[in-house]
Amino acid sequence: MTTIVLAGGCFWGVEAYFKQLKGITDTSVGYVDGNMRNPSYEMVCNGQATHTEAVKVTFDPDVVSLDGVLDHFFRIINPFSLNRQGNDIGSQYRSGIYVENDAMKEAVLAFLDRRFENERSRVRTEVKECVDYDVAEAYHQDYLDKNPFGYCHVNMNLAAPEEKK
């Protein structure tokens, strides 16, 4: 199994989207790329913690490739937007891809070059090593399963039926 951390706005929708896909074996929502360990949601919201909301995605590369995971990610976010996804505005909603190692980082950067070609310089999605992912509070985990009418900026229908579990 392979793990990658993806930040694309409110983590509820990003998690719900990835959970429906073939090859995704586990997800959790949390905070990454910040100024302290184990921040609370309130600390992230009020700016005391400088993290972005993110989803740790574990996937089976025999079922869905890294490129496939990234393709899905860029279906549901605006990579050209800085500190905003949908109606979510602020640095906690910046987009990012947080990787396990240098080889994965190089693969992600190569994907971005292929995917965005002439628009690559406009991409605001950061790519960094994941050094500080902290799991969010329990009430955020699987939030849209527990609250099916909860807020979500992600269109769940962007995954084709054959891509879903």
N, C-alpha and C. Protein backbone atom coordinates (compact mmCIF):
# COMPACT_ATOMS: atom_id res chain seq x y z
N MET A 1 0.84 -1.18 0.00
CA MET A 1 0.00 0.00 0.00
C MET A 1 0.89 1.25 0.00
N THR A 2 0.35 2.30 -0.58
CA THR A 2 1.06 3.57 -0.68
C THR A 2 0.21 4.65 -0.04
N THR A 3 0.85 5.62 0.58
CA THR A 3 0.12 6.70 1.25
C THR A 3 0.56 8.05 0.70
N ILE A 4 -0.40 8.93 0.54
CA ILE A 4 -0.16 10.31 0.13
C ILE A 4 -1.13 11.19 0.89
N VAL A 5 -0.75 12.40 1.19
CA VAL A 5 -1.63 13.35 1.89
C VAL A 5 -1.99 14.45 0.90
N LEU A 6 -3.30 14.68 0.77
CA LEU A 6 -3.83 15.64 -0.20
C LEU A 6 -4.64 16.71 0.50
N ALA A 7 -4.35 17.96 0.19
CA ALA A 7 -5.09 19.09 0.75
C ALA A 7 -5.80 19.79 -0.40
N GLY A 8 -7.12 19.87 -0.30
CA GLY A 8 -7.89 20.47 -1.38
C GLY A 8 -9.14 21.15 -0.88
N GLY A 9 -8.99 22.02 0.09
CA GLY A 9 -10.16 22.68 0.67
C GLY A 9 -10.66 21.90 1.86
N CYS A 10 -11.92 22.07 2.18
CA CYS A 10 -12.52 21.37 3.32
C CYS A 10 -12.27 19.87 3.21
N PHE A 11 -11.70 19.30 4.24
CA PHE A 11 -11.31 17.89 4.18
C PHE A 11 -12.48 16.92 4.15
N TRP A 12 -13.68 17.34 4.55
CA TRP A 12 -14.83 16.43 4.54
C TRP A 12 -15.13 15.92 3.14
N GLY A 13 -15.19 16.82 2.18
CA GLY A 13 -15.53 16.43 0.81
C GLY A 13 -14.43 15.66 0.12
N VAL A 14 -13.18 16.07 0.35
CA VAL A 14 -12.05 15.37 -0.27
C VAL A 14 -12.04 13.92 0.22
N GLU A 15 -12.23 13.72 1.51
CA GLU A 15 -12.25 12.37 2.05
C GLU A 15 -13.40 11.57 1.46
N ALA A 16 -14.60 12.13 1.44
CA ALA A 16 -15.77 11.41 0.92
C ALA A 16 -15.57 11.02 -0.54
N TYR A 17 -14.98 11.90 -1.33
CA TYR A 17 -14.73 11.60 -2.73
C TYR A 17 -13.79 10.40 -2.87
N PHE A 18 -12.67 10.44 -2.17
CA PHE A 18 -11.69 9.36 -2.31
C PHE A 18 -12.18 8.04 -1.73
N LYS A 19 -12.98 8.08 -0.69
CA LYS A 19 -13.49 6.85 -0.10
C LYS A 19 -14.33 6.04 -1.07
N GLN A 20 -14.93 6.68 -2.06
CA GLN A 20 -15.81 5.98 -2.99
C GLN A 20 -15.05 5.29 -4.14
N LEU A 21 -13.75 5.49 -4.23
CA LEU A 21 -12.98 5.00 -5.37
C LEU A 21 -12.38 3.61 -5.16
N LYS A 22 -12.35 2.84 -6.25
CA LYS A 22 -11.65 1.56 -6.24
C LYS A 22 -10.17 1.80 -5.98
N GLY A 23 -9.59 0.93 -5.19
CA GLY A 23 -8.17 1.01 -4.91
C GLY A 23 -7.81 1.82 -3.68
N ILE A 24 -8.75 2.61 -3.18
CA ILE A 24 -8.49 3.37 -1.95
C ILE A 24 -8.81 2.46 -0.78
N THR A 25 -7.82 2.19 0.05
CA THR A 25 -8.02 1.23 1.14
C THR A 25 -8.27 1.89 2.49
N ASP A 26 -7.88 3.17 2.62
CA ASP A 26 -8.11 3.85 3.90
C ASP A 26 -7.98 5.36 3.70
N THR A 27 -8.69 6.10 4.51
CA THR A 27 -8.58 7.56 4.54
C THR A 27 -8.67 8.03 5.98
N SER A 28 -8.09 9.19 6.23
CA SER A 28 -8.32 9.90 7.48
C SER A 28 -8.18 11.38 7.17
N VAL A 29 -8.85 12.20 7.95
CA VAL A 29 -8.70 13.64 7.78
C VAL A 29 -7.82 14.17 8.89
N GLY A 30 -7.07 15.24 8.56
CA GLY A 30 -6.16 15.79 9.55
C GLY A 30 -5.60 17.12 9.11
N TYR A 31 -4.51 17.47 9.73
CA TYR A 31 -3.86 18.76 9.51
C TYR A 31 -2.40 18.51 9.14
N VAL A 32 -1.89 19.32 8.20
CA VAL A 32 -0.52 19.13 7.73
C VAL A 32 0.12 20.47 7.43
N ASP A 33 1.44 20.48 7.43
CA ASP A 33 2.23 21.63 7.01
C ASP A 33 1.97 22.86 7.89
N GLY A 34 2.15 22.67 9.18
CA GLY A 34 1.90 23.77 10.10
C GLY A 34 3.03 24.04 11.05
N ASN A 35 2.75 24.90 12.01
CA ASN A 35 3.76 25.42 12.92
C ASN A 35 3.84 24.71 14.27
N MET A 36 3.05 23.65 14.47
CA MET A 36 3.07 22.93 15.74
C MET A 36 2.53 21.52 15.50
N ARG A 37 2.68 20.67 16.48
CA ARG A 37 2.12 19.32 16.38
C ARG A 37 0.78 19.28 17.09
N ASN A 38 -0.10 18.42 16.57
CA ASN A 38 -1.41 18.13 17.16
C ASN A 38 -2.27 19.37 17.42
N PRO A 39 -2.48 20.19 16.40
CA PRO A 39 -3.36 21.34 16.61
C PRO A 39 -4.82 20.88 16.70
N SER A 40 -5.63 21.72 17.27
CA SER A 40 -7.08 21.47 17.28
C SER A 40 -7.70 22.18 16.08
N TYR A 41 -8.92 21.79 15.75
CA TYR A 41 -9.65 22.44 14.67
C TYR A 41 -9.79 23.94 14.94
N GLU A 42 -10.08 24.27 16.19
CA GLU A 42 -10.24 25.67 16.56
C GLU A 42 -8.95 26.46 16.35
N MET A 43 -7.81 25.85 16.66
CA MET A 43 -6.52 26.51 16.47
C MET A 43 -6.24 26.74 14.99
N VAL A 44 -6.63 25.80 14.16
CA VAL A 44 -6.45 25.95 12.71
C VAL A 44 -7.37 27.04 12.19
N CYS A 45 -8.62 27.03 12.64
CA CYS A 45 -9.59 28.02 12.17
C CYS A 45 -9.25 29.45 12.59
N ASN A 46 -8.71 29.61 13.80
CA ASN A 46 -8.43 30.98 14.27
C ASN A 46 -7.03 31.46 13.90
N GLY A 47 -6.26 30.62 13.21
CA GLY A 47 -4.95 31.04 12.74
C GLY A 47 -3.81 30.82 13.71
N GLN A 48 -4.10 30.35 14.91
CA GLN A 48 -3.03 30.06 15.86
C GLN A 48 -2.13 28.95 15.31
N ALA A 49 -2.74 27.99 14.63
CA ALA A 49 -2.00 26.94 13.93
C ALA A 49 -2.06 27.25 12.44
N THR A 50 -0.98 27.02 11.73
CA THR A 50 -0.87 27.44 10.33
C THR A 50 -1.05 26.29 9.34
N HIS A 51 -1.70 25.24 9.76
CA HIS A 51 -1.88 24.04 8.95
C HIS A 51 -2.92 24.22 7.85
N THR A 52 -2.91 23.25 6.93
CA THR A 52 -3.99 23.13 5.97
C THR A 52 -4.76 21.85 6.28
N GLU A 53 -6.06 21.87 6.02
CA GLU A 53 -6.88 20.68 6.17
C GLU A 53 -6.50 19.70 5.07
N ALA A 54 -6.34 18.43 5.43
CA ALA A 54 -5.83 17.45 4.46
C ALA A 54 -6.45 16.08 4.71
N VAL A 55 -6.25 15.21 3.73
CA VAL A 55 -6.73 13.83 3.81
C VAL A 55 -5.56 12.90 3.53
N LYS A 56 -5.32 11.98 4.44
CA LYS A 56 -4.33 10.93 4.19
C LYS A 56 -5.05 9.83 3.44
N VAL A 57 -4.55 9.53 2.24
CA VAL A 57 -5.15 8.53 1.37
C VAL A 57 -4.18 7.36 1.23
N THR A 58 -4.64 6.18 1.59
CA THR A 58 -3.86 4.96 1.40
C THR A 58 -4.49 4.22 0.23
N PHE A 59 -3.63 3.83 -0.73
CA PHE A 59 -4.16 3.19 -1.93
C PHE A 59 -3.32 1.99 -2.35
N ASP A 60 -3.96 1.11 -3.08
CA ASP A 60 -3.31 -0.08 -3.62
C ASP A 60 -2.85 0.26 -5.03
N PRO A 61 -1.54 0.40 -5.25
CA PRO A 61 -1.05 0.80 -6.57
C PRO A 61 -1.29 -0.25 -7.65
N ASP A 62 -1.68 -1.47 -7.27
CA ASP A 62 -2.06 -2.47 -8.26
C ASP A 62 -3.46 -2.23 -8.79
N VAL A 63 -4.23 -1.40 -8.10
CA VAL A 63 -5.60 -1.09 -8.51
C VAL A 63 -5.70 0.32 -9.08
N VAL A 64 -5.08 1.28 -8.39
CA VAL A 64 -5.08 2.67 -8.85
C VAL A 64 -3.67 3.21 -8.70
N SER A 65 -3.14 3.75 -9.76
CA SER A 65 -1.76 4.27 -9.76
C SER A 65 -1.69 5.62 -9.05
N LEU A 66 -0.48 6.05 -8.76
CA LEU A 66 -0.28 7.40 -8.23
C LEU A 66 -0.85 8.42 -9.20
N ASP A 67 -0.59 8.26 -10.49
CA ASP A 67 -1.15 9.18 -11.48
C ASP A 67 -2.68 9.16 -11.44
N GLY A 68 -3.27 8.00 -11.22
CA GLY A 68 -4.72 7.91 -11.11
C GLY A 68 -5.25 8.67 -9.90
N VAL A 69 -4.56 8.54 -8.77
CA VAL A 69 -4.95 9.28 -7.56
C VAL A 69 -4.85 10.78 -7.83
N LEU A 70 -3.75 11.20 -8.45
CA LEU A 70 -3.56 12.62 -8.74
C LEU A 70 -4.59 13.13 -9.75
N ASP A 71 -4.92 12.32 -10.74
CA ASP A 71 -5.97 12.70 -11.69
C ASP A 71 -7.28 12.97 -10.97
N HIS A 72 -7.63 12.10 -10.04
CA HIS A 72 -8.86 12.32 -9.26
C HIS A 72 -8.76 13.59 -8.43
N PHE A 73 -7.62 13.81 -7.82
CA PHE A 73 -7.43 15.01 -7.00
C PHE A 73 -7.68 16.27 -7.82
N PHE A 74 -7.11 16.32 -9.02
CA PHE A 74 -7.26 17.52 -9.83
C PHE A 74 -8.62 17.63 -10.52
N ARG A 75 -9.42 16.59 -10.43
CA ARG A 75 -10.82 16.70 -10.86
C ARG A 75 -11.63 17.53 -9.87
N ILE A 76 -11.24 17.47 -8.60
CA ILE A 76 -12.09 18.06 -7.56
C ILE A 76 -11.56 19.35 -6.96
N ILE A 77 -10.37 19.79 -7.40
CA ILE A 77 -9.85 21.07 -6.88
C ILE A 77 -9.54 22.02 -8.03
N ASN A 78 -9.37 23.28 -7.67
CA ASN A 78 -8.88 24.28 -8.61
C ASN A 78 -7.40 24.50 -8.30
N PRO A 79 -6.50 23.97 -9.12
CA PRO A 79 -5.08 24.07 -8.81
C PRO A 79 -4.49 25.47 -8.97
N PHE A 80 -5.26 26.37 -9.57
CA PHE A 80 -4.76 27.72 -9.83
C PHE A 80 -5.17 28.70 -8.74
N SER A 81 -5.95 28.24 -7.79
CA SER A 81 -6.47 29.09 -6.73
C SER A 81 -5.53 29.06 -5.52
N LEU A 82 -5.22 30.20 -4.97
CA LEU A 82 -4.37 30.30 -3.80
C LEU A 82 -5.24 30.51 -2.56
N ASN A 83 -5.10 29.60 -1.60
CA ASN A 83 -5.81 29.71 -0.32
C ASN A 83 -7.33 29.75 -0.48
N ARG A 84 -7.82 28.98 -1.46
CA ARG A 84 -9.27 28.93 -1.66
C ARG A 84 -9.64 27.72 -2.49
N GLN A 85 -10.70 27.04 -2.05
CA GLN A 85 -11.34 25.99 -2.84
C GLN A 85 -12.84 26.15 -2.63
N GLY A 86 -13.56 26.34 -3.72
CA GLY A 86 -15.00 26.56 -3.59
C GLY A 86 -15.26 27.78 -2.74
N ASN A 87 -16.18 27.62 -1.78
CA ASN A 87 -16.51 28.72 -0.87
C ASN A 87 -15.57 28.81 0.33
N ASP A 88 -14.61 27.91 0.42
CA ASP A 88 -13.68 27.88 1.54
C ASP A 88 -12.51 28.80 1.24
N ILE A 89 -12.32 29.81 2.08
CA ILE A 89 -11.29 30.80 1.85
C ILE A 89 -10.40 30.90 3.08
N GLY A 90 -9.09 30.94 2.87
CA GLY A 90 -8.12 31.07 3.94
C GLY A 90 -6.99 30.08 3.75
N SER A 91 -5.88 30.31 4.44
CA SER A 91 -4.70 29.47 4.24
C SER A 91 -4.93 28.02 4.65
N GLN A 92 -5.90 27.76 5.52
CA GLN A 92 -6.18 26.37 5.91
C GLN A 92 -6.81 25.59 4.75
N TYR A 93 -7.19 26.29 3.68
CA TYR A 93 -7.79 25.65 2.51
C TYR A 93 -6.87 25.66 1.30
N ARG A 94 -5.58 25.97 1.51
CA ARG A 94 -4.64 25.92 0.39
C ARG A 94 -4.52 24.49 -0.10
N SER A 95 -4.18 24.35 -1.36
CA SER A 95 -4.06 23.00 -1.91
C SER A 95 -2.62 22.55 -1.85
N GLY A 96 -2.46 21.26 -1.58
CA GLY A 96 -1.12 20.71 -1.48
C GLY A 96 -1.11 19.21 -1.64
N ILE A 97 0.04 18.72 -2.02
CA ILE A 97 0.30 17.29 -2.13
C ILE A 97 1.52 17.03 -1.27
N TYR A 98 1.37 16.17 -0.28
CA TYR A 98 2.43 15.92 0.69
C TYR A 98 2.84 14.45 0.58
N VAL A 99 4.09 14.23 0.23
CA VAL A 99 4.57 12.93 -0.21
C VAL A 99 5.46 12.25 0.83
N GLU A 100 5.66 10.93 0.63
CA GLU A 100 6.44 10.13 1.56
C GLU A 100 7.95 10.24 1.35
N ASN A 101 8.37 10.51 0.11
CA ASN A 101 9.81 10.45 -0.17
C ASN A 101 10.13 11.24 -1.44
N ASP A 102 11.43 11.36 -1.73
CA ASP A 102 11.88 12.12 -2.90
C ASP A 102 11.41 11.50 -4.21
N ALA A 103 11.37 10.17 -4.29
CA ALA A 103 10.93 9.52 -5.53
C ALA A 103 9.47 9.85 -5.81
N MET A 104 8.64 9.85 -4.79
CA MET A 104 7.23 10.20 -4.98
C MET A 104 7.10 11.68 -5.34
N LYS A 105 7.91 12.52 -4.74
CA LYS A 105 7.87 13.95 -5.06
C LYS A 105 8.22 14.16 -6.53
N GLU A 106 9.25 13.49 -7.01
CA GLU A 106 9.63 13.62 -8.43
C GLU A 106 8.51 13.12 -9.34
N ALA A 107 7.84 12.03 -8.96
CA ALA A 107 6.73 11.51 -9.76
C ALA A 107 5.57 12.50 -9.79
N VAL A 108 5.28 13.14 -8.66
CA VAL A 108 4.22 14.14 -8.60
C VAL A 108 4.57 15.34 -9.47
N LEU A 109 5.79 15.82 -9.36
CA LEU A 109 6.21 16.98 -10.16
C LEU A 109 6.16 16.66 -11.66
N ALA A 110 6.54 15.45 -12.03
CA ALA A 110 6.46 15.04 -13.44
C ALA A 110 5.01 14.99 -13.90
N PHE A 111 4.12 14.50 -13.04
CA PHE A 111 2.69 14.48 -13.36
C PHE A 111 2.18 15.91 -13.60
N LEU A 112 2.56 16.83 -12.70
CA LEU A 112 2.12 18.22 -12.85
C LEU A 112 2.61 18.81 -14.17
N ASP A 113 3.85 18.54 -14.52
CA ASP A 113 4.40 19.03 -15.79
C ASP A 113 3.60 18.50 -16.98
N ARG A 114 3.26 17.20 -16.95
CA ARG A 114 2.47 16.61 -18.05
C ARG A 114 1.05 17.15 -18.06
N ARG A 115 0.45 17.21 -16.90
CA ARG A 115 -0.98 17.57 -16.80
C ARG A 115 -1.22 19.03 -17.19
N PHE A 116 -0.34 19.92 -16.75
CA PHE A 116 -0.60 21.34 -16.91
C PHE A 116 0.25 22.01 -17.99
N GLU A 117 1.24 21.33 -18.52
CA GLU A 117 2.06 21.81 -19.61
C GLU A 117 2.30 23.32 -19.57
N ASN A 118 1.66 24.07 -20.47
CA ASN A 118 1.89 25.52 -20.59
C ASN A 118 1.34 26.32 -19.42
N GLU A 119 0.49 25.72 -18.61
CA GLU A 119 -0.09 26.43 -17.46
C GLU A 119 0.62 26.09 -16.15
N ARG A 120 1.69 25.33 -16.23
CA ARG A 120 2.37 24.84 -15.02
C ARG A 120 2.75 25.97 -14.07
N SER A 121 3.16 27.11 -14.59
CA SER A 121 3.57 28.22 -13.73
C SER A 121 2.40 28.82 -12.95
N ARG A 122 1.19 28.56 -13.39
CA ARG A 122 0.00 29.08 -12.70
C ARG A 122 -0.46 28.19 -11.54
N VAL A 123 0.03 26.96 -11.47
CA VAL A 123 -0.42 26.00 -10.46
C VAL A 123 0.03 26.47 -9.07
N ARG A 124 -0.91 26.57 -8.16
CA ARG A 124 -0.65 27.01 -6.79
C ARG A 124 -0.64 25.86 -5.79
N THR A 125 -0.83 24.66 -6.26
CA THR A 125 -0.81 23.48 -5.40
C THR A 125 0.64 23.19 -5.03
N GLU A 126 0.94 23.23 -3.73
CA GLU A 126 2.30 22.99 -3.29
C GLU A 126 2.59 21.49 -3.22
N VAL A 127 3.84 21.13 -3.42
CA VAL A 127 4.28 19.74 -3.33
C VAL A 127 5.44 19.72 -2.34
N LYS A 128 5.24 18.97 -1.25
CA LYS A 128 6.24 18.93 -0.19
C LYS A 128 6.30 17.54 0.42
N GLU A 129 7.40 17.28 1.13
CA GLU A 129 7.48 16.06 1.92
C GLU A 129 6.51 16.19 3.10
N CYS A 130 5.83 15.11 3.40
CA CYS A 130 4.91 15.11 4.54
C CYS A 130 5.68 14.78 5.80
N VAL A 131 5.87 15.78 6.65
CA VAL A 131 6.64 15.56 7.86
C VAL A 131 5.82 15.75 9.14
N ASP A 132 4.58 16.23 9.00
CA ASP A 132 3.86 16.59 10.22
C ASP A 132 2.35 16.40 10.13
N TYR A 133 1.88 15.31 9.52
CA TYR A 133 0.43 15.06 9.44
C TYR A 133 -0.08 14.65 10.82
N ASP A 134 -1.11 15.32 11.28
CA ASP A 134 -1.77 14.98 12.54
C ASP A 134 -3.24 14.71 12.28
N VAL A 135 -3.74 13.60 12.78
CA VAL A 135 -5.13 13.22 12.58
C VAL A 135 -6.04 14.23 13.30
N ALA A 136 -7.12 14.61 12.61
CA ALA A 136 -8.09 15.55 13.17
C ALA A 136 -8.98 14.84 14.20
N GLU A 137 -9.76 15.64 14.89
CA GLU A 137 -10.67 15.14 15.90
C GLU A 137 -11.63 14.10 15.32
N ALA A 138 -12.10 13.20 16.19
CA ALA A 138 -12.95 12.08 15.76
C ALA A 138 -14.20 12.55 15.03
N TYR A 139 -14.79 13.66 15.44
CA TYR A 139 -16.04 14.08 14.80
C TYR A 139 -15.85 14.52 13.35
N HIS A 140 -14.61 14.78 12.94
CA HIS A 140 -14.33 15.12 11.54
C HIS A 140 -14.15 13.89 10.65
N GLN A 141 -13.80 12.76 11.25
CA GLN A 141 -13.55 11.55 10.48
C GLN A 141 -14.87 11.05 9.87
N ASP A 142 -14.85 10.74 8.58
CA ASP A 142 -16.04 10.23 7.88
C ASP A 142 -17.25 11.15 8.08
N TYR A 143 -17.00 12.44 8.13
CA TYR A 143 -18.03 13.42 8.48
C TYR A 143 -19.26 13.34 7.58
N LEU A 144 -19.06 13.24 6.29
CA LEU A 144 -20.22 13.23 5.39
C LEU A 144 -20.98 11.91 5.43
N ASP A 145 -20.36 10.83 5.91
CA ASP A 145 -21.10 9.59 6.15
C ASP A 145 -22.05 9.80 7.32
N LYS A 146 -21.57 10.48 8.33
CA LYS A 146 -22.37 10.73 9.54
C LYS A 146 -23.35 11.87 9.36
N ASN A 147 -23.05 12.79 8.44
CA ASN A 147 -23.88 13.98 8.18
C ASN A 147 -24.08 14.11 6.67
N PRO A 148 -24.94 13.27 6.09
CA PRO A 148 -25.04 13.21 4.62
C PRO A 148 -25.48 14.51 3.95
N PHE A 149 -26.03 15.42 4.70
CA PHE A 149 -26.43 16.70 4.12
C PHE A 149 -25.51 17.83 4.56
N GLY A 150 -24.33 17.45 5.07
CA GLY A 150 -23.34 18.44 5.50
C GLY A 150 -22.75 19.17 4.32
N TYR A 151 -22.12 20.30 4.61
CA TYR A 151 -21.50 21.12 3.57
C TYR A 151 -20.41 20.35 2.84
N CYS A 152 -20.38 20.51 1.53
CA CYS A 152 -19.33 19.90 0.74
C CYS A 152 -19.15 20.67 -0.56
N HIS A 153 -17.91 21.06 -0.85
CA HIS A 153 -17.61 21.77 -2.09
C HIS A 153 -17.25 20.83 -3.24
N VAL A 154 -17.17 19.54 -2.97
CA VAL A 154 -16.72 18.56 -3.95
C VAL A 154 -17.92 17.92 -4.64
N ASN A 155 -17.86 17.81 -5.97
CA ASN A 155 -18.88 17.12 -6.74
C ASN A 155 -18.52 15.63 -6.75
N MET A 156 -19.29 14.83 -6.01
CA MET A 156 -19.01 13.40 -5.90
C MET A 156 -19.21 12.67 -7.22
N ASN A 157 -19.92 13.27 -8.15
CA ASN A 157 -20.20 12.63 -9.42
C ASN A 157 -19.07 12.75 -10.44
N LEU A 158 -17.95 13.36 -10.06
CA LEU A 158 -16.83 13.49 -10.99
C LEU A 158 -16.08 12.19 -11.20
N ALA A 159 -16.35 11.21 -10.36
CA ALA A 159 -15.78 9.87 -10.56
C ALA A 159 -16.75 9.08 -11.43
N ALA A 160 -16.23 8.46 -12.47
CA ALA A 160 -17.06 7.64 -13.36
C ALA A 160 -17.53 6.39 -12.60
N PRO A 161 -18.70 5.85 -12.96
CA PRO A 161 -19.22 4.66 -12.26
C PRO A 161 -18.21 3.50 -12.20
N GLU A 162 -17.45 3.29 -13.26
CA GLU A 162 -16.48 2.19 -13.27
C GLU A 162 -15.28 2.45 -12.34
N GLU A 163 -15.12 3.69 -11.86
CA GLU A 163 -14.03 4.03 -10.95
C GLU A 163 -14.43 3.87 -9.49
N LYS A 164 -15.73 3.66 -9.26
CA LYS A 164 -16.24 3.59 -7.90
C LYS A 164 -16.26 2.15 -7.39
N LYS A 165 -16.20 2.02 -6.07
CA LYS A 165 -16.24 0.69 -5.43
C LYS A 165 -17.57 0.03 -5.67
